[in-house]
Amino acid sequence: MKVILRQDFEQLGRIGDVVEVKDGYARNFLIPRQIAYQATESSMRRLEEEKKQHAKRMEKEKRTSEKLAAELEKVSITIQMKVGEEEKLFGSVTSQMIADALKEKRIEIDKRQIELEDSIKALGIYTVPVKLPGGVTGNVKVWVVRE
């Protein structure tokens, strides 16, 4: 059965692709979950309209993310940690701590969007990337200081 994908689906393809799948897979999985339509002329027209709406949503989301990224560039947060010998931290600074500090500054960021390459285990100033929707990345300056 030929189906048209309504959304990106890793195993099959991207929005608007016409793919050939087994009948049962299409009827029992793809169509009920609204991942795909059966490939007909009317569904092609409907998909074109959905593509336009999707593009508008993505553009709006990207603009919102770019505003938030610009706001994040201006923000600097301070996290106080207990320190042992040789300026080593007891524990490490986590993405949850950074998200909580941002929340205090009235910026809502999910901890999964904060991309810590390595855990922060020493005092200092760090630039932490935050991955936002629409492929936008912002940076937050994090100061880790002695408690």
C-alpha atoms as a PDB file:
ATOM      1  CA  MET A   1       0.000   0.000   0.000  1.00  0.00           C
ATOM      2  CA  LYS A   2       1.278   3.460  -0.834  1.00  0.00           C
ATOM      3  CA  VAL A   3       1.024   6.037   1.943  1.00  0.00           C
ATOM      4  CA  ILE A   4       1.946   9.699   2.286  1.00  0.00           C
ATOM      5  CA  LEU A   5       3.777  10.639   5.499  1.00  0.00           C
ATOM      6  CA  ARG A   6       2.152  13.437   7.540  1.00  0.00           C
ATOM      7  CA  GLN A   7       5.166  13.841   9.812  1.00  0.00           C
ATOM      8  CA  ASP A   8       8.826  12.910   9.917  1.00  0.00           C
ATOM      9  CA  PHE A   9       9.186   9.235  10.783  1.00  0.00           C
ATOM     10  CA  GLU A  10      12.722   7.902  11.249  1.00  0.00           C
ATOM     11  CA  GLN A  11      12.164   4.455   9.778  1.00  0.00           C
ATOM     12  CA  LEU A  12      10.327   5.658   6.651  1.00  0.00           C
ATOM     13  CA  GLY A  13      11.103   9.228   5.666  1.00  0.00           C
ATOM     14  CA  ARG A  14      10.131  12.886   5.925  1.00  0.00           C
ATOM     15  CA  ILE A  15       6.884  14.839   5.626  1.00  0.00           C
ATOM     16  CA  GLY A  16       5.271  14.441   2.221  1.00  0.00           C
ATOM     17  CA  ASP A  17       7.222  11.379   1.121  1.00  0.00           C
ATOM     18  CA  VAL A  18       5.181   8.723  -0.684  1.00  0.00           C
ATOM     19  CA  VAL A  19       6.373   5.342   0.566  1.00  0.00           C
ATOM     20  CA  GLU A  20       5.361   1.763  -0.064  1.00  0.00           C
ATOM     21  CA  VAL A  21       4.582  -0.220   3.115  1.00  0.00           C
ATOM     22  CA  LYS A  22       2.790  -3.447   3.907  1.00  0.00           C
ATOM     23  CA  ASP A  23      -1.001  -3.183   4.113  1.00  0.00           C
ATOM     24  CA  GLY A  24      -1.236  -4.270   7.753  1.00  0.00           C
ATOM     25  CA  TYR A  25       1.467  -1.826   8.875  1.00  0.00           C
ATOM     26  CA  ALA A  26      -0.360   1.033   7.193  1.00  0.00           C
ATOM     27  CA  ARG A  27      -3.857   0.091   8.410  1.00  0.00           C
ATOM     28  CA  ASN A  28      -2.932  -0.933  11.948  1.00  0.00           C
ATOM     29  CA  PHE A  29      -0.109   1.475  12.818  1.00  0.00           C
ATOM     30  CA  LEU A  30       0.526   4.429  10.512  1.00  0.00           C
ATOM     31  CA  ILE A  31      -3.007   5.525   9.662  1.00  0.00           C
ATOM     32  CA  PRO A  32      -4.581   5.154  13.177  1.00  0.00           C
ATOM     33  CA  ARG A  33      -1.702   7.135  14.742  1.00  0.00           C
ATOM     34  CA  GLN A  34      -2.108   9.763  12.009  1.00  0.00           C
ATOM     35  CA  ILE A  35       1.486   9.372  10.888  1.00  0.00           C
ATOM     36  CA  ALA A  36       0.395   8.765   7.285  1.00  0.00           C
ATOM     37  CA  TYR A  37      -2.534   8.972   4.839  1.00  0.00           C
ATOM     38  CA  GLN A  38      -3.397   6.498   2.160  1.00  0.00           C
ATOM     39  CA  ALA A  39      -1.963   7.882  -1.089  1.00  0.00           C
ATOM     40  CA  THR A  40      -4.947   9.317  -2.965  1.00  0.00           C
ATOM     41  CA  GLU A  41      -5.405  12.525  -4.914  1.00  0.00           C
ATOM     42  CA  SER A  42      -7.456  14.192  -2.158  1.00  0.00           C
ATOM     43  CA  SER A  43      -4.951  13.239   0.532  1.00  0.00           C
ATOM     44  CA  MET A  44      -2.165  14.799  -1.556  1.00  0.00           C
ATOM     45  CA  ARG A  45      -4.044  18.121  -1.559  1.00  0.00           C
ATOM     46  CA  ARG A  46      -4.737  17.831   2.177  1.00  0.00           C
ATOM     47  CA  LEU A  47      -1.059  17.133   2.818  1.00  0.00           C
ATOM     48  CA  GLU A  48       0.012  20.216   0.869  1.00  0.00           C
ATOM     49  CA  GLU A  49      -2.164  22.353   3.157  1.00  0.00           C
ATOM     50  CA  GLU A  50      -0.709  20.639   6.232  1.00  0.00           C
ATOM     51  CA  LYS A  51       2.816  21.324   4.929  1.00  0.00           C
ATOM     52  CA  LYS A  52       2.027  25.036   4.675  1.00  0.00           C
ATOM     53  CA  GLN A  53       0.633  25.088   8.218  1.00  0.00           C
ATOM     54  CA  HIS A  54       3.631  23.132   9.495  1.00  0.00           C
ATOM     55  CA  ALA A  55       6.047  25.561   7.830  1.00  0.00           C
ATOM     56  CA  LYS A  56       4.259  28.530   9.445  1.00  0.00           C
ATOM     57  CA  ARG A  57       4.404  26.857  12.875  1.00  0.00           C
ATOM     58  CA  MET A  58       8.088  26.043  12.472  1.00  0.00           C
ATOM     59  CA  GLU A  59       8.894  29.625  11.420  1.00  0.00           C
ATOM     60  CA  LYS A  60       7.033  31.035  14.424  1.00  0.00           C
ATOM     61  CA  GLU A  61       8.760  28.544  16.742  1.00  0.00           C
ATOM     62  CA  LYS A  62      12.157  29.479  15.304  1.00  0.00           C
ATOM     63  CA  ARG A  63      11.536  33.220  15.810  1.00  0.00           C
ATOM     64  CA  THR A  64      10.487  32.573  19.416  1.00  0.00           C
ATOM     65  CA  SER A  65      13.594  30.456  19.974  1.00  0.00           C
ATOM     66  CA  GLU A  66      15.842  33.140  18.498  1.00  0.00           C
ATOM     67  CA  LYS A  67      14.371  35.726  20.900  1.00  0.00           C
ATOM     68  CA  LEU A  68      14.939  33.355  23.808  1.00  0.00           C
ATOM     69  CA  ALA A  69      18.516  32.661  22.644  1.00  0.00           C
ATOM     70  CA  ALA A  70      19.234  36.408  22.548  1.00  0.00           C
ATOM     71  CA  GLU A  71      17.819  36.707  26.063  1.00  0.00           C
ATOM     72  CA  LEU A  72      19.960  33.780  27.249  1.00  0.00           C
ATOM     73  CA  GLU A  73      23.117  35.452  25.895  1.00  0.00           C
ATOM     74  CA  LYS A  74      22.490  38.390  28.243  1.00  0.00           C
ATOM     75  CA  VAL A  75      21.839  36.199  31.307  1.00  0.00           C
ATOM     76  CA  SER A  76      24.532  35.186  33.743  1.00  0.00           C
ATOM     77  CA  ILE A  77      23.700  32.799  36.582  1.00  0.00           C
ATOM     78  CA  THR A  78      25.620  32.034  39.747  1.00  0.00           C
ATOM     79  CA  ILE A  79      25.615  28.623  41.400  1.00  0.00           C
ATOM     80  CA  GLN A  80      27.116  28.301  44.856  1.00  0.00           C
ATOM     81  CA  MET A  81      28.745  24.976  45.696  1.00  0.00           C
ATOM     82  CA  LYS A  82      30.644  23.565  48.651  1.00  0.00           C
ATOM     83  CA  VAL A  83      34.340  23.250  47.907  1.00  0.00           C
ATOM     84  CA  GLY A  84      36.984  20.912  49.253  1.00  0.00           C
ATOM     85  CA  GLU A  85      40.751  20.871  48.864  1.00  0.00           C
ATOM     86  CA  GLU A  86      42.347  22.168  45.669  1.00  0.00           C
ATOM     87  CA  GLU A  87      39.143  24.029  44.733  1.00  0.00           C
ATOM     88  CA  LYS A  88      37.315  20.789  43.849  1.00  0.00           C
ATOM     89  CA  LEU A  89      33.556  20.710  44.290  1.00  0.00           C
ATOM     90  CA  PHE A  90      31.665  18.284  46.477  1.00  0.00           C
ATOM     91  CA  GLY A  91      29.529  16.786  43.722  1.00  0.00           C
ATOM     92  CA  SER A  92      29.045  18.538  40.412  1.00  0.00           C
ATOM     93  CA  VAL A  93      26.863  21.149  38.791  1.00  0.00           C
ATOM     94  CA  THR A  94      23.993  19.449  36.949  1.00  0.00           C
ATOM     95  CA  SER A  95      21.691  20.598  34.186  1.00  0.00           C
ATOM     96  CA  GLN A  96      18.846  20.558  36.734  1.00  0.00           C
ATOM     97  CA  MET A  97      20.705  23.108  38.890  1.00  0.00           C
ATOM     98  CA  ILE A  98      21.195  25.343  35.854  1.00  0.00           C
ATOM     99  CA  ALA A  99      17.516  25.009  34.880  1.00  0.00           C
ATOM    100  CA  ASP A 100      16.452  25.929  38.436  1.00  0.00           C
ATOM    101  CA  ALA A 101      18.753  28.974  38.441  1.00  0.00           C
ATOM    102  CA  LEU A 102      17.273  30.080  35.109  1.00  0.00           C
ATOM    103  CA  LYS A 103      13.767  29.594  36.481  1.00  0.00           C
ATOM    104  CA  GLU A 104      14.606  32.041  39.290  1.00  0.00           C
ATOM    105  CA  LYS A 105      15.407  34.565  36.530  1.00  0.00           C
ATOM    106  CA  ARG A 106      11.991  33.818  34.979  1.00  0.00           C
ATOM    107  CA  ILE A 107      13.348  31.844  32.018  1.00  0.00           C
ATOM    108  CA  GLU A 108      11.672  28.474  31.534  1.00  0.00           C
ATOM    109  CA  ILE A 109      14.136  25.932  30.116  1.00  0.00           C
ATOM    110  CA  ASP A 110      13.777  22.167  30.385  1.00  0.00           C
ATOM    111  CA  LYS A 111      16.844  20.459  31.850  1.00  0.00           C
ATOM    112  CA  ARG A 112      17.032  18.171  28.801  1.00  0.00           C
ATOM    113  CA  GLN A 113      17.664  21.205  26.585  1.00  0.00           C
ATOM    114  CA  ILE A 114      20.818  22.106  28.520  1.00  0.00           C
ATOM    115  CA  GLU A 115      23.796  20.381  26.929  1.00  0.00           C
ATOM    116  CA  LEU A 116      26.601  19.844  29.413  1.00  0.00           C
ATOM    117  CA  GLU A 117      29.461  18.119  27.587  1.00  0.00           C
ATOM    118  CA  ASP A 118      31.256  17.189  30.803  1.00  0.00           C
ATOM    119  CA  SER A 119      29.998  17.664  34.316  1.00  0.00           C
ATOM    120  CA  ILE A 120      31.236  20.837  35.994  1.00  0.00           C
ATOM    121  CA  LYS A 121      33.447  19.836  38.932  1.00  0.00           C
ATOM    122  CA  ALA A 122      35.542  22.947  39.539  1.00  0.00           C
ATOM    123  CA  LEU A 123      35.041  26.601  40.337  1.00  0.00           C
ATOM    124  CA  GLY A 124      35.047  28.992  37.413  1.00  0.00           C
ATOM    125  CA  ILE A 125      33.087  30.555  34.605  1.00  0.00           C
ATOM    126  CA  TYR A 126      31.515  28.267  32.028  1.00  0.00           C
ATOM    127  CA  THR A 127      29.547  28.843  28.841  1.00  0.00           C
ATOM    128  CA  VAL A 128      26.817  26.237  28.616  1.00  0.00           C
ATOM    129  CA  PRO A 129      24.924  25.662  25.334  1.00  0.00           C
ATOM    130  CA  VAL A 130      21.125  25.382  25.451  1.00  0.00           C
ATOM    131  CA  LYS A 131      19.453  23.661  22.511  1.00  0.00           C
ATOM    132  CA  LEU A 132      16.142  25.333  21.664  1.00  0.00           C
ATOM    133  CA  PRO A 133      13.368  24.257  19.266  1.00  0.00           C
ATOM    134  CA  GLY A 134      13.813  25.130  15.609  1.00  0.00           C
ATOM    135  CA  GLY A 135      17.514  24.247  15.572  1.00  0.00           C
ATOM    136  CA  VAL A 136      18.509  27.354  17.536  1.00  0.00           C
ATOM    137  CA  THR A 137      21.245  27.179  20.166  1.00  0.00           C
ATOM    138  CA  GLY A 138      21.745  29.771  22.879  1.00  0.00           C
ATOM    139  CA  ASN A 139      24.526  30.080  25.441  1.00  0.00           C
ATOM    140  CA  VAL A 140      24.271  30.772  29.155  1.00  0.00           C
ATOM    141  CA  LYS A 141      27.180  31.998  31.235  1.00  0.00           C
ATOM    142  CA  VAL A 142      27.391  29.985  34.475  1.00  0.00           C
ATOM    143  CA  TRP A 143      29.513  31.180  37.391  1.00  0.00           C
ATOM    144  CA  VAL A 144      30.377  28.429  39.859  1.00  0.00           C
ATOM    145  CA  VAL A 145      31.456  30.032  43.147  1.00  0.00           C
ATOM    146  CA  ARG A 146      32.377  28.967  46.654  1.00  0.00           C
ATOM    147  CA  GLU A 147      29.466  28.719  49.093  1.00  0.00           C
END
